Every structure is written in C-alpha cells, then in structure tokens.
Amino acid sequence: MDMKSRCSLAVAVVLLASMIACSVPTRKPAAVAAGERYVPKRANGTTLRAVSFNVLQAGAKKFPWENRRDSVIACLRDMDPDVFGVQEALWGQLQDLMDGLPYYACVGRGRDDGHIGGELMGLYYRTNRFVLKRAEVFWLSETPEVPGSKSWNSACVRCATVAILLDRTDGTTLGVCDTHLDHISAEARAKGAELIRKRLPTYGKDIAWVVTGDFNTAPGSPPYRAMVSPEINDLRLTDTFAKTNPTAPPDTGSFHGYSGKVGTARIDFIFSGPQWEPLAAGINQFKYRGTYPTDHFPVWADLKRLKVEK
C-alpha cells in the first residue's frame, strides 16, 4: 500500500486505516539540508516532543503551496516531533506531508463534510512508537456529532480531531487533540474551547493529554481561560510555553502574516495534562529552503512523562 493510499484511508476511515499504517515498516527520515537545523535538541529527560503548525491552506493564492511545501516538510523534519497537529490543511496537503514524512501516520476528517471536504485538522504520530486505539472528529457546535455544523455566530465550520494512542515504549496512553478556533466570533472561540475541555475527560481515565491548535486568541482571553481554568473540570491543562518561558514578553508572537516580524500576540498553543512536566517550549521563527513555511510560526514543546498518583 503506497503512502498516499494510507493517508487516504487514515483520513476517510480514521480508526482502521491508521491501524494498517502502523504495520508498515518505519523508514529513515530524509536528511535536513545543511543550515536548516534551528530548533534545539530535545531537553534532557524529554519523553515526548509535540508540535502545532498552521500550514496555511493551499488555496491561499499569494503563497502557493507548491512554493512552500518543501519548506514546511524541512521545518517539520528539523523539529522532529513524536506527534504534531496541523491546521488549515487541505486534503492534498496532508498527502504531501505523508509523502515527505513517511514515518508518520495521519488521522483527521474534512470539516465541511466529515470526509475530505474543506480544511482538516490533521494529527500525525510516529508509527514505530504509537498504536492508534481510537480516533474521532467532533464539531465545535451545539451538535458536535454533525459534520459541517456550526454555532455561536462562527464564521466558519470548526472542528477538533482526537487520537488516543498506545505508547509502545512504556504501555501508557496518550491523548492528542488538535483544533482551530474561529477567527471572527469571540463567542465561538470561547464556547469551542469550553467544549473541548469538557469533552476530553469523556474518552477515559489515565489518558495523558496534549492539546495543539491555532486558538486565534491571546493568553488570558476567555478561550484561553477555558482551557486552563480549574473551574471547568478536574482535567488540569498547562500552557507549555508560558510554563517554560516565564519571562517571555507578553507580545511574544506566533503569527506574522508572512512579514517575518514578531510582536503580535501568541495565538498558537500546546497544552499538556498533569501527567506531563513541560521541560522546554519555543516558537520556531526561522526560514527553511529560503522562505517562511507559512504565515504562522510553528510552536513546539518538550515534555516529560510523570507518574501521577491516583
């Protein structure tokens, strides 16, 4: 089965196909070009590196995907994540990432129709380390099981992808959620974040959660508080960048609009559950193959798995 076929199955038939993907022998990653290693090596003690990356959908005419594809792939190779979530990806972009990064499997569904229509929140995981136990996409609306549904004055259909993974290295269970909140409606952002926070515990106990995404909002906002506030439920989530960079300026940015200039608020996040100790986190503000991969800077976090008393 070729890589594009595996990606197709993994997206359209989320559970079964990614189980198949795990059975394919892992290939060695392609080399990163000289001068394109910018992200630090993993912090001592790291057991998981996670990345969140808004790859800018291929329909953006000013920034053609074919001119950026190799830059995106080189950037991901440099960051070398165990799991990563992408936002705004169209179907063909997910296929290209699978071709360029053959040692990952992908899960996700198109937000417009629940198949391949519209943008996908793609979740990737290393096939030589993780086995997919469950995968699901739900919509950020009052009817989360209905593909293409939207609520709360949301300008676009929004959804979240969830993957429950068995870690072969220690037998523990990892949960990863990837999302993209609305860019217009503040109500939709707040309600969407609250829905995610309330839904995650329903997948079961003893799941070590990592949440990635473009939240289109700054630290301290209502959606941000919905993710980290202890008042929502017992699932405590930590902003990995804030935890590991306590002296970073408040305007440390992850969106640059292809200007390359930092200073806008941080709107891309990686949150981690209580089973993780954030060791290091950063914003990758570098060019690859001579260009910025997208209009967002990808973010990464190094995490250490902890034993949590029950």
Protein backbone atom coordinates (compact mmCIF):
# COMPACT_ATOMS: atom_id res chain seq x y z
CA MET A 1 0.00 0.00 0.00
CA ASP A 2 1.57 3.32 -1.03
CA MET A 3 1.84 6.34 1.27
CA LYS A 4 -0.96 8.35 -0.35
CA SER A 5 -3.33 5.40 -0.09
CA ARG A 6 -2.52 5.05 3.59
CA CYS A 7 -3.15 8.72 4.16
CA SER A 8 -6.45 8.48 2.28
CA LEU A 9 -7.63 5.61 4.42
CA ALA A 10 -6.39 7.19 7.62
CA VAL A 11 -8.39 10.32 6.96
CA ALA A 12 -11.55 8.84 5.48
CA VAL A 13 -11.75 5.76 7.69
CA VAL A 14 -9.93 7.05 10.69
CA LEU A 15 -9.63 4.06 13.01
CA LEU A 16 -9.00 1.06 10.80
CA ALA A 17 -6.69 2.66 8.29
CA SER A 18 -4.26 4.11 10.78
CA MET A 19 -4.01 0.71 12.43
CA ILE A 20 -2.93 -0.53 9.00
CA ALA A 21 -0.45 2.34 8.71
CA CYS A 22 1.22 1.22 11.92
CA SER A 23 2.08 -2.12 10.33
CA VAL A 24 4.23 -0.52 7.61
CA PRO A 25 7.98 -0.58 8.39
CA THR A 26 9.35 2.77 9.50
CA ARG A 27 11.65 4.48 7.01
CA LYS A 28 14.61 6.60 7.95
CA PRO A 29 13.82 10.33 7.74
CA ALA A 30 15.31 12.25 4.85
CA ALA A 31 18.23 14.45 5.74
CA VAL A 32 17.69 18.09 6.61
CA ALA A 33 19.69 20.42 4.39
CA ALA A 34 22.78 21.98 5.89
CA GLY A 35 21.98 25.11 7.84
CA GLU A 36 18.36 24.12 8.41
CA ARG A 37 18.64 22.80 11.94
CA TYR A 38 17.43 25.60 14.16
CA VAL A 39 15.29 24.02 16.86
CA PRO A 40 17.32 22.86 19.88
CA LYS A 41 17.89 19.21 20.58
CA ARG A 42 15.40 17.72 22.99
CA ALA A 43 15.75 18.86 26.57
CA ASN A 44 17.31 16.30 28.91
CA GLY A 45 14.61 13.99 30.19
CA THR A 46 12.21 14.59 27.30
CA THR A 47 9.90 11.67 26.55
CA LEU A 48 7.64 13.43 24.04
CA ARG A 49 8.07 16.32 21.63
CA ALA A 50 4.83 17.86 20.35
CA VAL A 51 4.35 20.46 17.61
CA SER A 52 1.45 22.64 16.49
CA PHE A 53 1.65 24.04 12.97
CA ASN A 54 -0.82 26.14 10.98
CA VAL A 55 0.32 25.27 7.46
CA LEU A 56 -1.91 27.79 5.62
CA GLN A 57 -4.36 26.16 3.26
CA ALA A 58 -3.27 25.59 -0.31
CA GLY A 59 -5.92 27.92 -1.70
CA ALA A 60 -4.02 30.99 -0.50
CA LYS A 61 -3.09 32.37 -3.93
CA LYS A 62 -0.44 34.81 -2.74
CA PHE A 63 1.51 31.96 -1.15
CA PRO A 64 1.21 28.90 -3.42
CA TRP A 65 1.57 25.58 -1.66
CA GLU A 66 3.97 24.27 -4.30
CA ASN A 67 6.38 27.09 -3.38
CA ARG A 68 6.14 26.32 0.34
CA ARG A 69 5.71 22.55 0.53
CA ASP A 70 9.39 21.67 0.83
CA SER A 71 9.87 24.42 3.41
CA VAL A 72 7.06 23.02 5.57
CA ILE A 73 8.44 19.50 5.35
CA ALA A 74 12.00 20.63 6.12
CA CYS A 75 10.72 22.59 9.11
CA LEU A 76 8.90 19.55 10.48
CA ARG A 77 11.97 17.36 9.99
CA ASP A 78 14.01 19.89 11.94
CA MET A 79 11.54 19.98 14.84
CA ASP A 80 11.39 16.16 14.80
CA PRO A 81 8.14 15.72 16.77
CA ASP A 82 6.69 12.49 18.09
CA VAL A 83 3.22 13.89 17.50
CA PHE A 84 2.09 17.01 15.70
CA GLY A 85 -1.14 18.72 14.77
CA VAL A 86 -1.63 20.83 11.65
CA GLN A 87 -4.36 23.35 10.99
CA GLU A 88 -5.83 24.68 7.71
CA ALA A 89 -4.53 21.74 5.70
CA LEU A 90 -6.47 20.68 2.64
CA TRP A 91 -6.63 17.08 1.50
CA GLY A 92 -3.73 17.30 -0.94
CA GLN A 93 -1.52 18.96 1.66
CA LEU A 94 -2.00 16.07 4.06
CA GLN A 95 -0.99 13.70 1.28
CA ASP A 96 2.14 15.74 0.53
CA LEU A 97 3.15 15.70 4.19
CA MET A 98 2.72 11.93 4.26
CA ASP A 99 4.95 11.62 1.21
CA GLY A 100 7.62 13.86 2.71
CA LEU A 101 7.35 12.40 6.22
CA PRO A 102 6.73 8.69 5.63
CA TYR A 103 7.42 7.63 9.21
CA TYR A 104 4.15 9.18 10.45
CA ALA A 105 0.51 8.16 10.13
CA CYS A 106 -2.27 10.75 9.96
CA VAL A 107 -5.85 10.95 11.20
CA GLY A 108 -8.47 13.62 10.50
CA ARG A 109 -11.65 14.40 8.56
CA GLY A 110 -12.70 17.36 6.44
CA ARG A 111 -14.55 19.91 8.49
CA ASP A 112 -17.14 20.66 5.78
CA ASP A 113 -18.46 17.16 5.13
CA GLY A 114 -16.77 14.79 7.56
CA HIS A 115 -14.83 13.22 4.70
CA ILE A 116 -12.23 15.22 2.74
CA GLY A 117 -14.13 18.46 2.10
CA GLY A 118 -12.66 21.69 3.42
CA GLU A 119 -9.83 22.15 5.86
CA LEU A 120 -8.67 19.23 8.00
CA MET A 121 -7.16 19.26 11.47
CA GLY A 122 -4.58 16.57 10.78
CA LEU A 123 -2.98 14.67 13.66
CA TYR A 124 0.28 12.85 12.91
CA TYR A 125 2.04 10.30 15.09
CA ARG A 126 5.15 8.15 14.75
CA THR A 127 4.19 4.69 13.58
CA ASN A 128 7.20 2.99 15.16
CA ARG A 129 6.21 4.24 18.59
CA PHE A 130 2.44 4.57 18.76
CA VAL A 131 -0.54 2.35 18.01
CA LEU A 132 -3.85 4.07 17.37
CA LYS A 133 -6.55 2.92 19.78
CA ARG A 134 -9.26 5.38 18.85
CA ALA A 135 -9.73 8.41 16.63
CA GLU A 136 -12.58 10.86 16.32
CA VAL A 137 -13.50 14.23 14.90
CA PHE A 138 -16.15 16.38 16.57
CA TRP A 139 -17.52 19.73 15.52
CA LEU A 140 -17.32 22.86 17.66
CA SER A 141 -21.04 23.47 17.71
CA GLU A 142 -24.17 22.68 19.67
CA THR A 143 -24.36 19.45 17.64
CA PRO A 144 -20.75 18.20 17.76
CA GLU A 145 -21.57 14.86 16.13
CA VAL A 146 -22.97 16.51 12.99
CA PRO A 147 -20.37 17.06 10.23
CA GLY A 148 -20.35 20.61 8.89
CA SER A 149 -22.31 22.05 11.81
CA LYS A 150 -21.53 25.41 13.35
CA SER A 151 -22.95 27.58 16.14
CA TRP A 152 -22.34 30.70 18.20
CA ASN A 153 -22.01 33.02 15.19
CA SER A 154 -18.96 31.16 13.96
CA ALA A 155 -17.75 32.48 10.61
CA CYS A 156 -16.52 29.05 9.55
CA VAL A 157 -17.18 25.43 10.35
CA ARG A 158 -14.77 24.45 13.09
CA CYS A 159 -13.84 21.04 14.47
CA ALA A 160 -11.33 19.13 16.58
CA THR A 161 -9.50 15.88 15.86
CA VAL A 162 -8.74 13.44 18.67
CA ALA A 163 -6.35 10.48 18.64
CA ILE A 164 -5.94 8.06 21.54
CA LEU A 165 -2.55 6.38 21.22
CA LEU A 166 -0.88 3.44 22.95
CA ASP A 167 2.78 4.21 23.60
CA ARG A 168 4.76 1.06 22.91
CA THR A 169 7.75 2.31 24.89
CA ASP A 170 6.01 2.17 28.27
CA GLY A 171 2.44 0.94 27.71
CA THR A 172 0.87 4.27 28.68
CA THR A 173 -1.95 6.02 26.83
CA LEU A 174 -1.54 9.38 25.15
CA GLY A 175 -4.43 11.54 24.02
CA VAL A 176 -3.83 14.24 21.43
CA CYS A 177 -6.39 16.83 20.36
CA ASP A 178 -5.86 19.31 17.51
CA THR A 179 -8.15 22.24 16.75
CA HIS A 180 -8.55 25.61 15.06
CA LEU A 181 -10.90 28.09 16.71
CA ASP A 182 -12.91 30.69 14.80
CA HIS A 183 -11.14 33.84 13.63
CA ILE A 184 -14.21 36.14 13.85
CA SER A 185 -16.61 35.17 16.62
CA ALA A 186 -15.35 35.60 20.18
CA GLU A 187 -18.36 33.63 21.39
CA ALA A 188 -17.48 30.70 19.10
CA ARG A 189 -13.90 30.70 20.34
CA ALA A 190 -14.94 30.67 23.99
CA LYS A 191 -17.67 28.05 23.54
CA GLY A 192 -15.45 25.91 21.32
CA ALA A 193 -12.63 25.87 23.86
CA GLU A 194 -15.06 25.04 26.64
CA LEU A 195 -16.49 22.16 24.60
CA ILE A 196 -13.02 20.72 24.03
CA ARG A 197 -12.11 20.98 27.70
CA LYS A 198 -15.34 19.28 28.80
CA ARG A 199 -15.20 16.57 26.14
CA LEU A 200 -11.66 15.30 26.69
CA PRO A 201 -12.33 13.52 30.03
CA THR A 202 -15.13 11.52 28.37
CA TYR A 203 -12.54 9.49 26.45
CA GLY A 204 -11.48 7.70 29.62
CA LYS A 205 -9.20 7.85 32.62
CA ASP A 206 -5.43 7.63 32.73
CA ILE A 207 -5.02 9.42 29.40
CA ALA A 208 -2.11 11.85 29.26
CA TRP A 209 -3.47 14.73 27.16
CA VAL A 210 -1.70 17.06 24.78
CA VAL A 211 -3.77 19.72 23.00
CA THR A 212 -2.43 21.54 19.95
CA GLY A 213 -4.00 24.25 17.89
CA ASP A 214 -4.45 27.70 16.46
CA PHE A 215 -6.76 29.32 19.00
CA ASN A 216 -6.94 32.72 17.29
CA THR A 217 -6.74 34.36 20.69
CA ALA A 218 -4.15 35.59 23.18
CA PRO A 219 -3.17 34.32 26.62
CA GLY A 220 -5.61 35.50 29.27
CA SER A 221 -8.60 35.64 26.92
CA PRO A 222 -11.86 33.73 27.66
CA PRO A 223 -10.95 30.80 25.33
CA TYR A 224 -7.52 30.57 26.93
CA ARG A 225 -9.05 30.60 30.40
CA ALA A 226 -11.49 27.90 29.30
CA MET A 227 -8.50 25.68 28.52
CA VAL A 228 -6.53 26.25 31.72
CA SER A 229 -9.07 27.26 34.37
CA PRO A 230 -9.53 24.74 37.21
CA GLU A 231 -13.19 25.76 37.35
CA ILE A 232 -14.11 23.87 34.16
CA ASN A 233 -13.33 20.35 35.39
CA ASP A 234 -10.64 18.23 37.01
CA LEU A 235 -8.57 17.92 33.83
CA ARG A 236 -5.76 20.37 34.54
CA LEU A 237 -4.11 21.72 31.40
CA THR A 238 -0.90 23.75 31.33
CA ASP A 239 0.27 26.24 28.72
CA THR A 240 3.66 24.69 27.96
CA PHE A 241 5.24 27.86 26.56
CA ALA A 242 4.18 30.04 29.48
CA LYS A 243 5.37 27.41 31.94
CA THR A 244 8.84 27.12 30.45
CA ASN A 245 9.29 30.76 29.39
CA PRO A 246 8.03 32.75 32.39
CA THR A 247 9.98 35.88 31.45
CA ALA A 248 8.94 35.99 27.78
CA PRO A 249 7.39 39.33 26.79
CA PRO A 250 3.57 39.25 26.66
CA ASP A 251 3.62 40.11 22.94
CA THR A 252 5.81 37.13 22.00
CA GLY A 253 4.15 36.16 18.76
CA SER A 254 3.34 33.08 16.70
CA PHE A 255 1.51 34.81 13.82
CA HIS A 256 3.45 37.01 11.43
CA GLY A 257 1.31 37.18 8.28
CA TYR A 258 4.35 36.44 6.11
CA SER A 259 6.11 39.55 7.36
CA GLY A 260 8.53 37.56 9.48
CA LYS A 261 8.11 40.18 12.18
CA VAL A 262 7.46 39.08 15.73
CA GLY A 263 5.49 41.08 18.23
CA THR A 264 1.91 40.01 17.66
CA ALA A 265 0.24 38.02 20.39
CA ARG A 266 0.83 34.31 20.76
CA ILE A 267 -2.22 32.53 19.29
CA ASP A 268 -0.83 29.02 18.68
CA PHE A 269 -0.64 26.78 21.71
CA ILE A 270 0.36 23.41 23.09
CA PHE A 271 -1.37 22.50 26.35
CA SER A 272 -0.39 19.46 28.40
CA GLY A 273 -2.17 17.45 31.07
CA PRO A 274 -0.95 16.72 34.61
CA GLN A 275 0.91 13.58 33.53
CA TRP A 276 3.43 15.79 31.76
CA GLU A 277 6.16 18.09 33.02
CA PRO A 278 6.92 20.75 30.40
CA LEU A 279 10.72 20.93 30.11
CA ALA A 280 11.12 23.34 27.21
CA ALA A 281 8.98 25.04 24.59
CA GLY A 282 9.53 27.51 21.82
CA ILE A 283 8.34 29.29 18.71
CA ASN A 284 10.17 28.35 15.51
CA GLN A 285 10.72 31.71 13.83
CA PHE A 286 13.11 30.58 11.09
CA LYS A 287 13.05 30.27 7.32
CA TYR A 288 13.53 26.91 5.61
CA ARG A 289 14.54 26.47 1.98
CA GLY A 290 14.80 30.25 1.83
CA THR A 291 11.20 31.02 2.80
CA TYR A 292 8.88 31.11 5.77
CA PRO A 293 6.85 27.89 5.62
CA THR A 294 3.55 29.62 6.44
CA ASP A 295 2.09 32.82 7.88
CA HIS A 296 2.30 31.29 11.36
CA PHE A 297 5.41 30.30 13.26
CA PRO A 298 5.06 26.69 14.41
CA VAL A 299 5.33 26.01 18.13
CA TRP A 300 6.95 23.04 19.87
CA ALA A 301 7.16 21.61 23.39
CA ASP A 302 9.37 19.02 25.08
CA LEU A 303 7.51 17.04 27.74
CA LYS A 304 8.49 14.50 30.39
CA ARG A 305 6.02 11.77 31.33
CA LEU A 306 5.32 11.70 35.05
CA LYS A 307 3.77 9.11 37.31
CA VAL A 308 0.58 10.62 38.69
CA GLU A 309 -0.86 9.19 41.87
CA LYS A 310 -4.45 8.11 41.54
